Amino acid sequence: MTATTRLLTVDDAAEMAAQLRANREFLAPWDPDRSEEYFTEEGQRRVLADLLRQHSAGSALPHAILLDGRIVGRIALTNIARGPFLSGTLGYWVAQSANGRGVATAAVGRIVRLAFDD
């Protein structure tokens, strides 16, 4: 098992939407109420485009979580504040099939290294 992350692209929208639909019930206890559009490819295209705009502005670090090269979740450092406050908000989810296998732990470790080292 190889778990890692990479920067998201808008081309990930179809795969991200499929994972969200497949894991909707599993993620429901931790997820806010979402519109039906959120679970569509077009809805995810908009979400990813917004995250990538934030990334370009330096206020977000949105990554896909990969297990053996396949997307199994998303992790993002958002609300990045620089200067003396130097903070951000970390959020993530993983598919039920990847849950309990150390995938999220590996993803969090990678994002923390990127945030503090790069």
PDB file of N, CA and C in Angstrom:
ATOM      1  N   MET A   1       0.841  -1.184   0.000  1.00  0.00           N
ATOM      2  CA  MET A   1       0.000   0.000   0.000  1.00  0.00           C
ATOM      3  C   MET A   1       0.883   1.242   0.000  1.00  0.00           C
ATOM      4  N   THR A   2       0.655   2.118  -0.987  1.00  0.00           N
ATOM      5  CA  THR A   2       1.367   3.382  -1.042  1.00  0.00           C
ATOM      6  C   THR A   2       0.355   4.513  -1.018  1.00  0.00           C
ATOM      7  N   ALA A   3       0.382   5.295   0.057  1.00  0.00           N
ATOM      8  CA  ALA A   3      -0.512   6.442   0.196  1.00  0.00           C
ATOM      9  C   ALA A   3       0.301   7.716   0.062  1.00  0.00           C
ATOM     10  N   THR A   4      -0.209   8.644  -0.735  1.00  0.00           N
ATOM     11  CA  THR A   4       0.458   9.930  -0.922  1.00  0.00           C
ATOM     12  C   THR A   4      -0.586  10.971  -1.295  1.00  0.00           C
ATOM     13  N   THR A   5      -0.132  12.162  -1.628  1.00  0.00           N
ATOM     14  CA  THR A   5      -1.029  13.223  -2.084  1.00  0.00           C
ATOM     15  C   THR A   5      -0.395  13.918  -3.277  1.00  0.00           C
ATOM     16  N   ARG A   6      -1.223  14.658  -3.996  1.00  0.00           N
ATOM     17  CA  ARG A   6      -0.747  15.532  -5.062  1.00  0.00           C
ATOM     18  C   ARG A   6      -1.732  16.677  -5.211  1.00  0.00           C
ATOM     19  N   LEU A   7      -1.262  17.767  -5.791  1.00  0.00           N
ATOM     20  CA  LEU A   7      -2.122  18.914  -6.024  1.00  0.00           C
ATOM     21  C   LEU A   7      -3.309  18.500  -6.887  1.00  0.00           C
ATOM     22  N   LEU A   8      -4.485  18.929  -6.503  1.00  0.00           N
ATOM     23  CA  LEU A   8      -5.681  18.651  -7.283  1.00  0.00           C
ATOM     24  C   LEU A   8      -5.651  19.401  -8.607  1.00  0.00           C
ATOM     25  N   THR A   9      -6.387  18.901  -9.580  1.00  0.00           N
ATOM     26  CA  THR A   9      -6.632  19.619 -10.831  1.00  0.00           C
ATOM     27  C   THR A   9      -8.128  19.560 -11.108  1.00  0.00           C
ATOM     28  N   VAL A  10      -8.630  20.443 -11.967  1.00  0.00           N
ATOM     29  CA  VAL A  10     -10.054  20.380 -12.309  1.00  0.00           C
ATOM     30  C   VAL A  10     -10.373  19.093 -13.064  1.00  0.00           C
ATOM     31  N   ASP A  11      -9.367  18.474 -13.662  1.00  0.00           N
ATOM     32  CA  ASP A  11      -9.579  17.197 -14.351  1.00  0.00           C
ATOM     33  C   ASP A  11      -9.891  16.057 -13.383  1.00  0.00           C
ATOM     34  N   ASP A  12      -9.729  16.283 -12.090  1.00  0.00           N
ATOM     35  CA  ASP A  12     -10.063  15.282 -11.074  1.00  0.00           C
ATOM     36  C   ASP A  12     -11.549  15.285 -10.732  1.00  0.00           C
ATOM     37  N   ALA A  13     -12.321  16.190 -11.324  1.00  0.00           N
ATOM     38  CA  ALA A  13     -13.720  16.376 -10.933  1.00  0.00           C
ATOM     39  C   ALA A  13     -14.552  15.111 -11.071  1.00  0.00           C
ATOM     40  N   ALA A  14     -14.424  14.387 -12.171  1.00  0.00           N
ATOM     41  CA  ALA A  14     -15.250  13.185 -12.372  1.00  0.00           C
ATOM     42  C   ALA A  14     -14.932  12.123 -11.321  1.00  0.00           C
ATOM     43  N   GLU A  15     -13.665  11.886 -11.087  1.00  0.00           N
ATOM     44  CA  GLU A  15     -13.276  10.863 -10.105  1.00  0.00           C
ATOM     45  C   GLU A  15     -13.649  11.290  -8.687  1.00  0.00           C
ATOM     46  N   MET A  16     -13.488  12.582  -8.394  1.00  0.00           N
ATOM     47  CA  MET A  16     -13.845  13.085  -7.064  1.00  0.00           C
ATOM     48  C   MET A  16     -15.356  12.952  -6.840  1.00  0.00           C
ATOM     49  N   ALA A  17     -16.141  13.319  -7.853  1.00  0.00           N
ATOM     50  CA  ALA A  17     -17.604  13.209  -7.736  1.00  0.00           C
ATOM     51  C   ALA A  17     -18.021  11.750  -7.539  1.00  0.00           C
ATOM     52  N   ALA A  18     -17.405  10.844  -8.265  1.00  0.00           N
ATOM     53  CA  ALA A  18     -17.733   9.416  -8.126  1.00  0.00           C
ATOM     54  C   ALA A  18     -17.416   8.917  -6.721  1.00  0.00           C
ATOM     55  N   GLN A  19     -16.279   9.315  -6.184  1.00  0.00           N
ATOM     56  CA  GLN A  19     -15.911   8.909  -4.815  1.00  0.00           C
ATOM     57  C   GLN A  19     -16.883   9.495  -3.792  1.00  0.00           C
ATOM     58  N   LEU A  20     -17.256  10.756  -3.979  1.00  0.00           N
ATOM     59  CA  LEU A  20     -18.184  11.387  -3.037  1.00  0.00           C
ATOM     60  C   LEU A  20     -19.551  10.721  -3.081  1.00  0.00           C
ATOM     61  N   ARG A  21     -20.031  10.385  -4.261  1.00  0.00           N
ATOM     62  CA  ARG A  21     -21.322   9.687  -4.362  1.00  0.00           C
ATOM     63  C   ARG A  21     -21.241   8.305  -3.714  1.00  0.00           C
ATOM     64  N   ALA A  22     -20.170   7.576  -3.996  1.00  0.00           N
ATOM     65  CA  ALA A  22     -20.022   6.223  -3.455  1.00  0.00           C
ATOM     66  C   ALA A  22     -19.886   6.220  -1.932  1.00  0.00           C
ATOM     67  N   ASN A  23     -19.367   7.313  -1.374  1.00  0.00           N
ATOM     68  CA  ASN A  23     -19.105   7.377   0.070  1.00  0.00           C
ATOM     69  C   ASN A  23     -20.011   8.354   0.802  1.00  0.00           C
ATOM     70  N   ARG A  24     -21.064   8.778   0.148  1.00  0.00           N
ATOM     71  CA  ARG A  24     -21.963   9.790   0.719  1.00  0.00           C
ATOM     72  C   ARG A  24     -22.494   9.384   2.088  1.00  0.00           C
ATOM     73  N   GLU A  25     -23.010   8.191   2.206  1.00  0.00           N
ATOM     74  CA  GLU A  25     -23.568   7.725   3.480  1.00  0.00           C
ATOM     75  C   GLU A  25     -22.470   7.577   4.541  1.00  0.00           C
ATOM     76  N   PHE A  26     -21.328   7.049   4.144  1.00  0.00           N
ATOM     77  CA  PHE A  26     -20.210   6.865   5.067  1.00  0.00           C
ATOM     78  C   PHE A  26     -19.724   8.201   5.622  1.00  0.00           C
ATOM     79  N   LEU A  27     -19.652   9.233   4.772  1.00  0.00           N
ATOM     80  CA  LEU A  27     -19.129  10.544   5.185  1.00  0.00           C
ATOM     81  C   LEU A  27     -20.178  11.435   5.856  1.00  0.00           C
ATOM     82  N   ALA A  28     -21.445  11.076   5.740  1.00  0.00           N
ATOM     83  CA  ALA A  28     -22.541  11.925   6.226  1.00  0.00           C
ATOM     84  C   ALA A  28     -22.400  12.392   7.680  1.00  0.00           C
ATOM     85  N   PRO A  29     -21.958  11.552   8.623  1.00  0.00           N
ATOM     86  CA  PRO A  29     -21.872  12.035  10.010  1.00  0.00           C
ATOM     87  C   PRO A  29     -20.905  13.204  10.213  1.00  0.00           C
ATOM     88  N   TRP A  30     -19.954  13.381   9.316  1.00  0.00           N
ATOM     89  CA  TRP A  30     -18.942  14.428   9.489  1.00  0.00           C
ATOM     90  C   TRP A  30     -19.067  15.561   8.479  1.00  0.00           C
ATOM     91  N   ASP A  31     -19.903  15.371   7.486  1.00  0.00           N
ATOM     92  CA  ASP A  31     -20.022  16.332   6.400  1.00  0.00           C
ATOM     93  C   ASP A  31     -21.211  17.251   6.626  1.00  0.00           C
ATOM     94  N   PRO A  32     -21.115  18.530   6.240  1.00  0.00           N
ATOM     95  CA  PRO A  32     -22.289  19.396   6.320  1.00  0.00           C
ATOM     96  C   PRO A  32     -23.317  18.977   5.269  1.00  0.00           C
ATOM     97  N   ASP A  33     -24.535  19.483   5.389  1.00  0.00           N
ATOM     98  CA  ASP A  33     -25.539  19.218   4.354  1.00  0.00           C
ATOM     99  C   ASP A  33     -25.033  19.790   3.036  1.00  0.00           C
ATOM    100  N   ARG A  34     -25.167  19.028   1.983  1.00  0.00           N
ATOM    101  CA  ARG A  34     -24.686  19.419   0.657  1.00  0.00           C
ATOM    102  C   ARG A  34     -25.842  19.380  -0.337  1.00  0.00           C
ATOM    103  N   SER A  35     -25.780  20.270  -1.327  1.00  0.00           N
ATOM    104  CA  SER A  35     -26.756  20.229  -2.405  1.00  0.00           C
ATOM    105  C   SER A  35     -26.456  19.022  -3.286  1.00  0.00           C
ATOM    106  N   GLU A  36     -27.447  18.592  -4.045  1.00  0.00           N
ATOM    107  CA  GLU A  36     -27.244  17.468  -4.963  1.00  0.00           C
ATOM    108  C   GLU A  36     -26.163  17.801  -5.984  1.00  0.00           C
ATOM    109  N   GLU A  37     -26.059  19.059  -6.357  1.00  0.00           N
ATOM    110  CA  GLU A  37     -25.070  19.477  -7.341  1.00  0.00           C
ATOM    111  C   GLU A  37     -23.640  19.186  -6.875  1.00  0.00           C
ATOM    112  N   TYR A  38     -23.398  19.274  -5.585  1.00  0.00           N
ATOM    113  CA  TYR A  38     -22.069  19.027  -5.037  1.00  0.00           C
ATOM    114  C   TYR A  38     -21.535  17.655  -5.445  1.00  0.00           C
ATOM    115  N   PHE A  39     -22.411  16.691  -5.601  1.00  0.00           N
ATOM    116  CA  PHE A  39     -22.027  15.308  -5.886  1.00  0.00           C
ATOM    117  C   PHE A  39     -21.919  15.014  -7.387  1.00  0.00           C
ATOM    118  N   THR A  40     -22.043  16.050  -8.205  1.00  0.00           N
ATOM    119  CA  THR A  40     -21.939  15.879  -9.653  1.00  0.00           C
ATOM    120  C   THR A  40     -20.547  16.283 -10.127  1.00  0.00           C
ATOM    121  N   GLU A  41     -20.196  15.844 -11.338  1.00  0.00           N
ATOM    122  CA  GLU A  41     -18.910  16.235 -11.908  1.00  0.00           C
ATOM    123  C   GLU A  41     -18.815  17.751 -12.048  1.00  0.00           C
ATOM    124  N   GLU A  42     -19.879  18.385 -12.519  1.00  0.00           N
ATOM    125  CA  GLU A  42     -19.851  19.841 -12.689  1.00  0.00           C
ATOM    126  C   GLU A  42     -19.728  20.546 -11.336  1.00  0.00           C
ATOM    127  N   GLY A  43     -20.431  20.034 -10.335  1.00  0.00           N
ATOM    128  CA  GLY A  43     -20.325  20.616  -8.998  1.00  0.00           C
ATOM    129  C   GLY A  43     -18.903  20.504  -8.464  1.00  0.00           C
ATOM    130  N   GLN A  44     -18.278  19.364  -8.653  1.00  0.00           N
ATOM    131  CA  GLN A  44     -16.895  19.185  -8.197  1.00  0.00           C
ATOM    132  C   GLN A  44     -15.925  20.022  -9.027  1.00  0.00           C
ATOM    133  N   ARG A  45     -16.231  20.205 -10.294  1.00  0.00           N
ATOM    134  CA  ARG A  45     -15.383  21.063 -11.128  1.00  0.00           C
ATOM    135  C   ARG A  45     -15.348  22.482 -10.542  1.00  0.00           C
ATOM    136  N   ARG A  46     -16.524  22.967 -10.104  1.00  0.00           N
ATOM    137  CA  ARG A  46     -16.585  24.303  -9.494  1.00  0.00           C
ATOM    138  C   ARG A  46     -15.833  24.342  -8.152  1.00  0.00           C
ATOM    139  N   VAL A  47     -16.024  23.311  -7.321  1.00  0.00           N
ATOM    140  CA  VAL A  47     -15.333  23.245  -6.030  1.00  0.00           C
ATOM    141  C   VAL A  47     -13.821  23.246  -6.241  1.00  0.00           C
ATOM    142  N   LEU A  48     -13.354  22.408  -7.153  1.00  0.00           N
ATOM    143  CA  LEU A  48     -11.916  22.305  -7.401  1.00  0.00           C
ATOM    144  C   LEU A  48     -11.364  23.588  -7.998  1.00  0.00           C
ATOM    145  N   ALA A  49     -12.097  24.202  -8.922  1.00  0.00           N
ATOM    146  CA  ALA A  49     -11.647  25.469  -9.514  1.00  0.00           C
ATOM    147  C   ALA A  49     -11.507  26.535  -8.436  1.00  0.00           C
ATOM    148  N   ASP A  50     -12.462  26.575  -7.494  1.00  0.00           N
ATOM    149  CA  ASP A  50     -12.382  27.545  -6.397  1.00  0.00           C
ATOM    150  C   ASP A  50     -11.174  27.272  -5.506  1.00  0.00           C
ATOM    151  N   LEU A  51     -10.947  26.007  -5.161  1.00  0.00           N
ATOM    152  CA  LEU A  51      -9.779  25.657  -4.345  1.00  0.00           C
ATOM    153  C   LEU A  51      -8.473  26.020  -5.058  1.00  0.00           C
ATOM    154  N   LEU A  52      -8.435  25.805  -6.361  1.00  0.00           N
ATOM    155  CA  LEU A  52      -7.221  26.129  -7.118  1.00  0.00           C
ATOM    156  C   LEU A  52      -7.010  27.638  -7.236  1.00  0.00           C
ATOM    157  N   ARG A  53      -8.094  28.422  -7.287  1.00  0.00           N
ATOM    158  CA  ARG A  53      -7.958  29.893  -7.247  1.00  0.00           C
ATOM    159  C   ARG A  53      -7.362  30.319  -5.902  1.00  0.00           C
ATOM    160  N   GLN A  54      -7.848  29.703  -4.829  1.00  0.00           N
ATOM    161  CA  GLN A  54      -7.303  29.999  -3.504  1.00  0.00           C
ATOM    162  C   GLN A  54      -5.829  29.602  -3.433  1.00  0.00           C
ATOM    163  N   HIS A  55      -5.489  28.472  -4.047  1.00  0.00           N
ATOM    164  CA  HIS A  55      -4.094  28.030  -4.076  1.00  0.00           C
ATOM    165  C   HIS A  55      -3.221  29.048  -4.800  1.00  0.00           C
ATOM    166  N   SER A  56      -3.688  29.546  -5.936  1.00  0.00           N
ATOM    167  CA  SER A  56      -2.938  30.558  -6.698  1.00  0.00           C
ATOM    168  C   SER A  56      -2.733  31.829  -5.884  1.00  0.00           C
ATOM    169  N   ALA A  57      -3.694  32.138  -5.022  1.00  0.00           N
ATOM    170  CA  ALA A  57      -3.598  33.327  -4.168  1.00  0.00           C
ATOM    171  C   ALA A  57      -2.768  33.067  -2.916  1.00  0.00           C
ATOM    172  N   GLY A  58      -2.346  31.816  -2.711  1.00  0.00           N
ATOM    173  CA  GLY A  58      -1.527  31.481  -1.547  1.00  0.00           C
ATOM    174  C   GLY A  58      -2.307  31.219  -0.283  1.00  0.00           C
ATOM    175  N   SER A  59      -3.634  31.039  -0.406  1.00  0.00           N
ATOM    176  CA  SER A  59      -4.433  30.850   0.809  1.00  0.00           C
ATOM    177  C   SER A  59      -4.962  29.430   0.977  1.00  0.00           C
ATOM    178  N   ALA A  60      -4.556  28.501   0.086  1.00  0.00           N
ATOM    179  CA  ALA A  60      -5.006  27.110   0.212  1.00  0.00           C
ATOM    180  C   ALA A  60      -3.985  26.164  -0.407  1.00  0.00           C
ATOM    181  N   LEU A  61      -3.981  24.947   0.097  1.00  0.00           N
ATOM    182  CA  LEU A  61      -3.140  23.873  -0.431  1.00  0.00           C
ATOM    183  C   LEU A  61      -4.042  22.639  -0.588  1.00  0.00           C
ATOM    184  N   PRO A  62      -4.746  22.532  -1.747  1.00  0.00           N
ATOM    185  CA  PRO A  62      -5.698  21.438  -1.955  1.00  0.00           C
ATOM    186  C   PRO A  62      -5.058  20.244  -2.661  1.00  0.00           C
ATOM    187  N   HIS A  63      -5.128  19.089  -2.048  1.00  0.00           N
ATOM    188  CA  HIS A  63      -4.522  17.888  -2.602  1.00  0.00           C
ATOM    189  C   HIS A  63      -5.523  16.744  -2.688  1.00  0.00           C
ATOM    190  N   ALA A  64      -5.315  15.887  -3.670  1.00  0.00           N
ATOM    191  CA  ALA A  64      -6.012  14.608  -3.745  1.00  0.00           C
ATOM    192  C   ALA A  64      -5.236  13.633  -2.866  1.00  0.00           C
ATOM    193  N   ILE A  65      -5.946  12.763  -2.180  1.00  0.00           N
ATOM    194  CA  ILE A  65      -5.308  11.679  -1.434  1.00  0.00           C
ATOM    195  C   ILE A  65      -5.333  10.458  -2.349  1.00  0.00           C
ATOM    196  N   LEU A  66      -4.164   9.879  -2.548  1.00  0.00           N
ATOM    197  CA  LEU A  66      -4.023   8.743  -3.455  1.00  0.00           C
ATOM    198  C   LEU A  66      -3.604   7.493  -2.693  1.00  0.00           C
ATOM    199  N   LEU A  67      -4.168   6.383  -3.093  1.00  0.00           N
ATOM    200  CA  LEU A  67      -3.760   5.079  -2.576  1.00  0.00           C
ATOM    201  C   LEU A  67      -3.437   4.227  -3.794  1.00  0.00           C
ATOM    202  N   ASP A  68      -2.172   3.840  -3.888  1.00  0.00           N
ATOM    203  CA  ASP A  68      -1.704   3.087  -5.055  1.00  0.00           C
ATOM    204  C   ASP A  68      -2.080   3.785  -6.360  1.00  0.00           C
ATOM    205  N   GLY A  69      -1.971   5.130  -6.358  1.00  0.00           N
ATOM    206  CA  GLY A  69      -2.200   5.930  -7.555  1.00  0.00           C
ATOM    207  C   GLY A  69      -3.641   6.286  -7.853  1.00  0.00           C
ATOM    208  N   ARG A  70      -4.578   5.816  -7.037  1.00  0.00           N
ATOM    209  CA  ARG A  70      -6.001   6.065  -7.266  1.00  0.00           C
ATOM    210  C   ARG A  70      -6.528   7.040  -6.221  1.00  0.00           C
ATOM    211  N   ILE A  71      -7.354   8.006  -6.644  1.00  0.00           N
ATOM    212  CA  ILE A  71      -7.922   8.973  -5.703  1.00  0.00           C
ATOM    213  C   ILE A  71      -8.867   8.271  -4.738  1.00  0.00           C
ATOM    214  N   VAL A  72      -8.609   8.470  -3.434  1.00  0.00           N
ATOM    215  CA  VAL A  72      -9.471   7.907  -2.390  1.00  0.00           C
ATOM    216  C   VAL A  72      -9.904   8.969  -1.388  1.00  0.00           C
ATOM    217  N   GLY A  73      -9.629  10.252  -1.690  1.00  0.00           N
ATOM    218  CA  GLY A  73     -10.053  11.302  -0.785  1.00  0.00           C
ATOM    219  C   GLY A  73      -9.461  12.643  -1.160  1.00  0.00           C
ATOM    220  N   ARG A  74      -9.722  13.596  -0.297  1.00  0.00           N
ATOM    221  CA  ARG A  74      -9.212  14.955  -0.496  1.00  0.00           C
ATOM    222  C   ARG A  74      -8.734  15.494   0.843  1.00  0.00           C
ATOM    223  N   ILE A  75      -7.667  16.281   0.791  1.00  0.00           N
ATOM    224  CA  ILE A  75      -7.147  16.969   1.966  1.00  0.00           C
ATOM    225  C   ILE A  75      -6.803  18.385   1.535  1.00  0.00           C
ATOM    226  N   ALA A  76      -7.104  19.344   2.376  1.00  0.00           N
ATOM    227  CA  ALA A  76      -6.809  20.727   2.027  1.00  0.00           C
ATOM    228  C   ALA A  76      -6.456  21.530   3.271  1.00  0.00           C
ATOM    229  N   LEU A  77      -5.412  22.290   3.131  1.00  0.00           N
ATOM    230  CA  LEU A  77      -5.063  23.310   4.118  1.00  0.00           C
ATOM    231  C   LEU A  77      -5.644  24.598   3.558  1.00  0.00           C
ATOM    232  N   THR A  78      -6.603  25.185   4.256  1.00  0.00           N
ATOM    233  CA  THR A  78      -7.283  26.384   3.774  1.00  0.00           C
ATOM    234  C   THR A  78      -7.178  27.500   4.808  1.00  0.00           C
ATOM    235  N   ASN A  79      -7.681  28.659   4.451  1.00  0.00           N
ATOM    236  CA  ASN A  79      -7.637  29.829   5.346  1.00  0.00           C
ATOM    237  C   ASN A  79      -6.209  30.097   5.815  1.00  0.00           C
ATOM    238  N   ILE A  80      -5.247  29.899   4.920  1.00  0.00           N
ATOM    239  CA  ILE A  80      -3.849  30.105   5.288  1.00  0.00           C
ATOM    240  C   ILE A  80      -3.611  31.584   5.588  1.00  0.00           C
ATOM    241  N   ALA A  81      -3.100  31.838   6.769  1.00  0.00           N
ATOM    242  CA  ALA A  81      -2.724  33.193   7.185  1.00  0.00           C
ATOM    243  C   ALA A  81      -1.218  33.215   7.368  1.00  0.00           C
ATOM    244  N   ARG A  82      -0.591  34.178   6.784  1.00  0.00           N
ATOM    245  CA  ARG A  82       0.865  34.289   6.886  1.00  0.00           C
ATOM    246  C   ARG A  82       1.232  35.360   7.907  1.00  0.00           C
ATOM    247  N   GLY A  83       2.492  35.607   8.056  1.00  0.00           N
ATOM    248  CA  GLY A  83       2.930  36.615   9.016  1.00  0.00           C
ATOM    249  C   GLY A  83       3.007  36.027  10.410  1.00  0.00           C
ATOM    250  N   PRO A  84       2.875  36.875  11.431  1.00  0.00           N
ATOM    251  CA  PRO A  84       3.065  36.392  12.800  1.00  0.00           C
ATOM    252  C   PRO A  84       2.009  35.368  13.237  1.00  0.00           C
ATOM    253  N   PHE A  85       0.810  35.421  12.651  1.00  0.00           N
ATOM    254  CA  PHE A  85      -0.246  34.476  13.042  1.00  0.00           C
ATOM    255  C   PHE A  85       0.024  33.088  12.479  1.00  0.00           C
ATOM    256  N   LEU A  86       0.539  32.991  11.277  1.00  0.00           N
ATOM    257  CA  LEU A  86       0.919  31.755  10.592  1.00  0.00           C
ATOM    258  C   LEU A  86       0.036  30.572  10.988  1.00  0.00           C
ATOM    259  N   SER A  87      -1.125  30.487  10.337  1.00  0.00           N
ATOM    260  CA  SER A  87      -2.067  29.422  10.668  1.00  0.00           C
ATOM    261  C   SER A  87      -2.833  28.983   9.429  1.00  0.00           C
ATOM    262  N   GLY A  88      -3.628  27.951   9.592  1.00  0.00           N
ATOM    263  CA  GLY A  88      -4.494  27.447   8.539  1.00  0.00           C
ATOM    264  C   GLY A  88      -5.449  26.436   9.131  1.00  0.00           C
ATOM    265  N   THR A  89      -6.396  26.018   8.321  1.00  0.00           N
ATOM    266  CA  THR A  89      -7.392  25.037   8.724  1.00  0.00           C
ATOM    267  C   THR A  89      -7.183  23.789   7.882  1.00  0.00           C
ATOM    268  N   LEU A  90      -7.076  22.638   8.524  1.00  0.00           N
ATOM    269  CA  LEU A  90      -6.865  21.385   7.815  1.00  0.00           C
ATOM    270  C   LEU A  90      -8.159  20.579   7.825  1.00  0.00           C
ATOM    271  N   GLY A  91      -8.565  20.148   6.649  1.00  0.00           N
ATOM    272  CA  GLY A  91      -9.738  19.293   6.522  1.00  0.00           C
ATOM    273  C   GLY A  91      -9.442  18.171   5.540  1.00  0.00           C
ATOM    274  N   TYR A  92     -10.048  17.020   5.764  1.00  0.00           N
ATOM    275  CA  TYR A  92      -9.817  15.901   4.857  1.00  0.00           C
ATOM    276  C   TYR A  92     -10.930  14.883   4.978  1.00  0.00           C
ATOM    277  N   TRP A  93     -11.039  14.027   3.981  1.00  0.00           N
ATOM    278  CA  TRP A  93     -11.904  12.857   4.030  1.00  0.00           C
ATOM    279  C   TRP A  93     -11.241  11.752   3.216  1.00  0.00           C
ATOM    280  N   VAL A  94     -11.541  10.531   3.582  1.00  0.00           N
ATOM    281  CA  VAL A  94     -11.079   9.374   2.825  1.00  0.00           C
ATOM    282  C   VAL A  94     -12.260   8.434   2.594  1.00  0.00           C
ATOM    283  N   ALA A  95     -12.199   7.710   1.496  1.00  0.00           N
ATOM    284  CA  ALA A  95     -13.228   6.732   1.162  1.00  0.00           C
ATOM    285  C   ALA A  95     -13.275   5.636   2.217  1.00  0.00           C
ATOM    286  N   GLN A  96     -14.432   5.041   2.370  1.00  0.00           N
ATOM    287  CA  GLN A  96     -14.591   3.961   3.342  1.00  0.00           C
ATOM    288  C   GLN A  96     -13.594   2.836   3.078  1.00  0.00           C
ATOM    289  N   SER A  97     -13.303   2.562   1.811  1.00  0.00           N
ATOM    290  CA  SER A  97     -12.375   1.480   1.474  1.00  0.00           C
ATOM    291  C   SER A  97     -10.950   1.761   1.941  1.00  0.00           C
ATOM    292  N   ALA A  98     -10.616   3.041   2.167  1.00  0.00           N
ATOM    293  CA  ALA A  98      -9.275   3.418   2.626  1.00  0.00           C
ATOM    294  C   ALA A  98      -9.234   3.707   4.116  1.00  0.00           C
ATOM    295  N   ASN A  99     -10.389   3.727   4.745  1.00  0.00           N
ATOM    296  CA  ASN A  99     -10.492   4.065   6.159  1.00  0.00           C
ATOM    297  C   ASN A  99      -9.806   3.013   7.035  1.00  0.00           C
ATOM    298  N   GLY A 100      -9.099   3.475   8.067  1.00  0.00           N
ATOM    299  CA  GLY A 100      -8.475   2.572   9.021  1.00  0.00           C
ATOM    300  C   GLY A 100      -7.196   1.919   8.531  1.00  0.00           C
ATOM    301  N   ARG A 101      -6.621   2.437   7.451  1.00  0.00           N
ATOM    302  CA  ARG A 101      -5.423   1.830   6.863  1.00  0.00           C
ATOM    303  C   ARG A 101      -4.206   2.760   6.915  1.00  0.00           C
ATOM    304  N   GLY A 102      -4.317   3.875   7.634  1.00  0.00           N
ATOM    305  CA  GLY A 102      -3.201   4.806   7.737  1.00  0.00           C
ATOM    306  C   GLY A 102      -3.107   5.794   6.595  1.00  0.00           C
ATOM    307  N   VAL A 103      -4.082   5.780   5.703  1.00  0.00           N
ATOM    308  CA  VAL A 103      -4.059   6.659   4.528  1.00  0.00           C
ATOM    309  C   VAL A 103      -4.195   8.127   4.948  1.00  0.00           C
ATOM    310  N   ALA A 104      -5.163   8.429   5.798  1.00  0.00           N
ATOM    311  CA  ALA A 104      -5.352   9.804   6.249  1.00  0.00           C
ATOM    312  C   ALA A 104      -4.144  10.281   7.052  1.00  0.00           C
ATOM    313  N   THR A 105      -3.593   9.419   7.882  1.00  0.00           N
ATOM    314  CA  THR A 105      -2.409   9.769   8.664  1.00  0.00           C
ATOM    315  C   THR A 105      -1.247  10.137   7.749  1.00  0.00           C
ATOM    316  N   ALA A 106      -1.047   9.357   6.698  1.00  0.00           N
ATOM    317  CA  ALA A 106       0.017   9.651   5.730  1.00  0.00           C
ATOM    318  C   ALA A 106      -0.250  10.975   5.015  1.00  0.00           C
ATOM    319  N   ALA A 107      -1.502  11.219   4.646  1.00  0.00           N
ATOM    320  CA  ALA A 107      -1.856  12.456   3.947  1.00  0.00           C
ATOM    321  C   ALA A 107      -1.642  13.675   4.837  1.00  0.00           C
ATOM    322  N   VAL A 108      -2.060  13.584   6.094  1.00  0.00           N
ATOM    323  CA  VAL A 108      -1.856  14.699   7.029  1.00  0.00           C
ATOM    324  C   VAL A 108      -0.362  14.956   7.205  1.00  0.00           C
ATOM    325  N   GLY A 109       0.427  13.917   7.366  1.00  0.00           N
ATOM    326  CA  GLY A 109       1.871  14.080   7.504  1.00  0.00           C
ATOM    327  C   GLY A 109       2.483  14.773   6.310  1.00  0.00           C
ATOM    328  N   ARG A 110       2.029  14.398   5.117  1.00  0.00           N
ATOM    329  CA  ARG A 110       2.565  15.021   3.899  1.00  0.00           C
ATOM    330  C   ARG A 110       2.200  16.496   3.822  1.00  0.00           C
ATOM    331  N   ILE A 111       0.957  16.849   4.113  1.00  0.00           N
ATOM    332  CA  ILE A 111       0.523  18.249   4.047  1.00  0.00           C
ATOM    333  C   ILE A 111       1.259  19.078   5.105  1.00  0.00           C
ATOM    334  N   VAL A 112       1.446  18.534   6.284  1.00  0.00           N
ATOM    335  CA  VAL A 112       2.182  19.252   7.325  1.00  0.00           C
ATOM    336  C   VAL A 112       3.609  19.512   6.873  1.00  0.00           C
ATOM    337  N   ARG A 113       4.248  18.506   6.267  1.00  0.00           N
ATOM    338  CA  ARG A 113       5.618  18.705   5.756  1.00  0.00           C
ATOM    339  C   ARG A 113       5.639  19.780   4.673  1.00  0.00           C
ATOM    340  N   LEU A 114       4.696  19.736   3.761  1.00  0.00           N
ATOM    341  CA  LEU A 114       4.627  20.752   2.705  1.00  0.00           C
ATOM    342  C   LEU A 114       4.413  22.140   3.303  1.00  0.00           C
ATOM    343  N   ALA A 115       3.531  22.228   4.280  1.00  0.00           N
ATOM    344  CA  ALA A 115       3.203  23.522   4.890  1.00  0.00           C
ATOM    345  C   ALA A 115       4.403  24.133   5.604  1.00  0.00           C
ATOM    346  N   PHE A 116       5.158  23.326   6.289  1.00  0.00           N
ATOM    347  CA  PHE A 116       6.246  23.865   7.091  1.00  0.00           C
ATOM    348  C   PHE A 116       7.596  23.849   6.389  1.00  0.00           C
ATOM    349  N   ASP A 117       7.790  22.932   5.447  1.00  0.00           N
ATOM    350  CA  ASP A 117       9.078  22.829   4.791  1.00  0.00           C
ATOM    351  C   ASP A 117       9.138  23.555   3.450  1.00  0.00           C
ATOM    352  N   ASP A 118       8.039  23.544   2.715  1.00  0.00           N
ATOM    353  CA  ASP A 118       8.032  24.174   1.392  1.00  0.00           C
ATOM    354  C   ASP A 118       7.374  25.527   1.437  1.00  0.00           C
TER     355      ASP A 118
END
